[in-house]
Amino acid sequence: MSSHMALVPQFNYFSLEPYVDANVVAKFTGYDRRTILRWTREGKIPGYPPPGGKKTRNNWRYKLSEVDAALRSTVDLCRRPCRPHGDRIQ
């Protein structure tokens, strides 16, 4: 292996973060699904319509890391943490 090959970053397709629906985001944050959809429409959290699909109100997809970052920037963590239960989402 040549020395310049070691500098090329390795891309792992399995490390890509999946898109999830509003139900998973609601479970992750502890907020109601309708609140998540409302915040998406209001632009408070980032959401993505499915590619080639209809842009309906209930069809949004999310990345949990982006939702977590958006909520951490706006929520007082002393009062309500983004993951109140600490359980793992599968």
Protein backbone atom coordinates (compact mmCIF):
# COMPACT_ATOMS: atom_id res chain seq x y z
CA MET A 1 0.00 0.00 0.00
CA SER A 2 1.51 3.31 -1.03
CA SER A 3 1.70 6.24 1.37
CA HIS A 4 -0.78 8.40 -0.56
CA MET A 5 -3.46 5.68 -0.36
CA ALA A 6 -3.43 5.97 3.42
CA LEU A 7 -4.49 9.63 3.09
CA VAL A 8 -7.61 8.81 1.04
CA PRO A 9 -10.63 8.68 3.36
CA GLN A 10 -12.45 5.40 3.38
CA PHE A 11 -16.17 5.66 2.70
CA ASN A 12 -18.40 3.24 4.54
CA TYR A 13 -21.93 2.96 3.17
CA PHE A 14 -23.11 1.32 6.38
CA SER A 15 -22.25 4.39 8.46
CA LEU A 16 -24.75 6.62 6.62
CA GLU A 17 -27.50 7.89 8.85
CA PRO A 18 -30.93 6.66 7.74
CA TYR A 19 -33.94 8.86 7.24
CA VAL A 20 -36.74 8.20 9.72
CA ASP A 21 -40.40 9.22 9.87
CA ALA A 22 -42.18 11.50 12.32
CA ASN A 23 -43.14 8.60 14.60
CA VAL A 24 -39.48 7.76 15.28
CA VAL A 25 -38.64 11.43 15.84
CA ALA A 26 -41.55 11.70 18.28
CA LYS A 27 -40.28 8.70 20.24
CA PHE A 28 -36.71 10.03 20.16
CA THR A 29 -37.65 13.49 21.46
CA GLY A 30 -40.57 12.68 23.71
CA TYR A 31 -42.83 15.11 21.86
CA ASP A 32 -46.08 14.24 20.09
CA ARG A 33 -45.96 13.32 16.41
CA ARG A 34 -48.28 16.22 15.55
CA THR A 35 -45.89 18.62 17.28
CA ILE A 36 -43.00 17.28 15.18
CA LEU A 37 -44.98 17.78 11.96
CA ARG A 38 -46.02 21.30 13.02
CA TRP A 39 -42.44 22.24 13.85
CA THR A 40 -41.37 20.95 10.44
CA ARG A 41 -43.94 23.14 8.69
CA GLU A 42 -42.83 26.10 10.82
CA GLY A 43 -39.16 25.48 9.97
CA LYS A 44 -38.08 24.80 13.56
CA ILE A 45 -36.65 21.37 12.70
CA PRO A 46 -35.30 20.18 9.35
CA GLY A 47 -37.41 17.70 7.41
CA TYR A 48 -37.26 16.26 3.91
CA PRO A 49 -40.13 15.19 1.66
CA PRO A 50 -39.53 11.75 0.13
CA PRO A 51 -37.92 11.89 -3.33
CA GLY A 52 -40.47 11.65 -6.12
CA GLY A 53 -43.30 11.40 -3.62
CA LYS A 54 -46.16 13.72 -2.92
CA LYS A 55 -45.31 16.62 -0.65
CA THR A 56 -48.03 15.89 1.87
CA ARG A 57 -48.11 17.06 5.46
CA ASN A 58 -47.49 13.63 6.97
CA ASN A 59 -44.86 12.30 4.58
CA TRP A 60 -41.72 14.02 5.91
CA ARG A 61 -38.43 12.22 6.62
CA TYR A 62 -35.81 13.28 9.17
CA LYS A 63 -32.24 12.66 10.26
CA LEU A 64 -32.15 12.26 14.04
CA SER A 65 -28.80 14.03 14.36
CA GLU A 66 -30.19 17.14 12.62
CA VAL A 67 -33.36 17.12 14.72
CA ASP A 68 -31.31 16.71 17.89
CA ALA A 69 -29.03 19.60 16.94
CA ALA A 70 -32.00 21.85 16.10
CA LEU A 71 -33.75 21.09 19.37
CA ARG A 72 -30.60 21.49 21.44
CA SER A 73 -30.14 24.96 19.98
CA THR A 74 -33.65 26.03 21.02
CA VAL A 75 -34.64 23.95 24.08
CA ASP A 76 -33.56 24.73 27.63
CA LEU A 77 -31.85 21.43 28.48
CA CYS A 78 -32.21 22.05 32.20
CA ARG A 79 -35.98 21.88 31.82
CA ARG A 80 -36.53 19.29 29.08
CA PRO A 81 -33.74 17.19 27.55
CA CYS A 82 -33.98 16.08 23.94
CA ARG A 83 -33.91 12.41 24.99
CA PRO A 84 -35.85 12.33 28.25
CA HIS A 85 -35.94 8.55 28.68
CA GLY A 86 -32.49 7.44 27.59
CA ASP A 87 -33.92 4.35 25.94
CA ARG A 88 -32.50 3.20 22.64
CA ILE A 89 -34.45 3.48 19.43
CA GLN A 90 -34.27 0.46 17.19
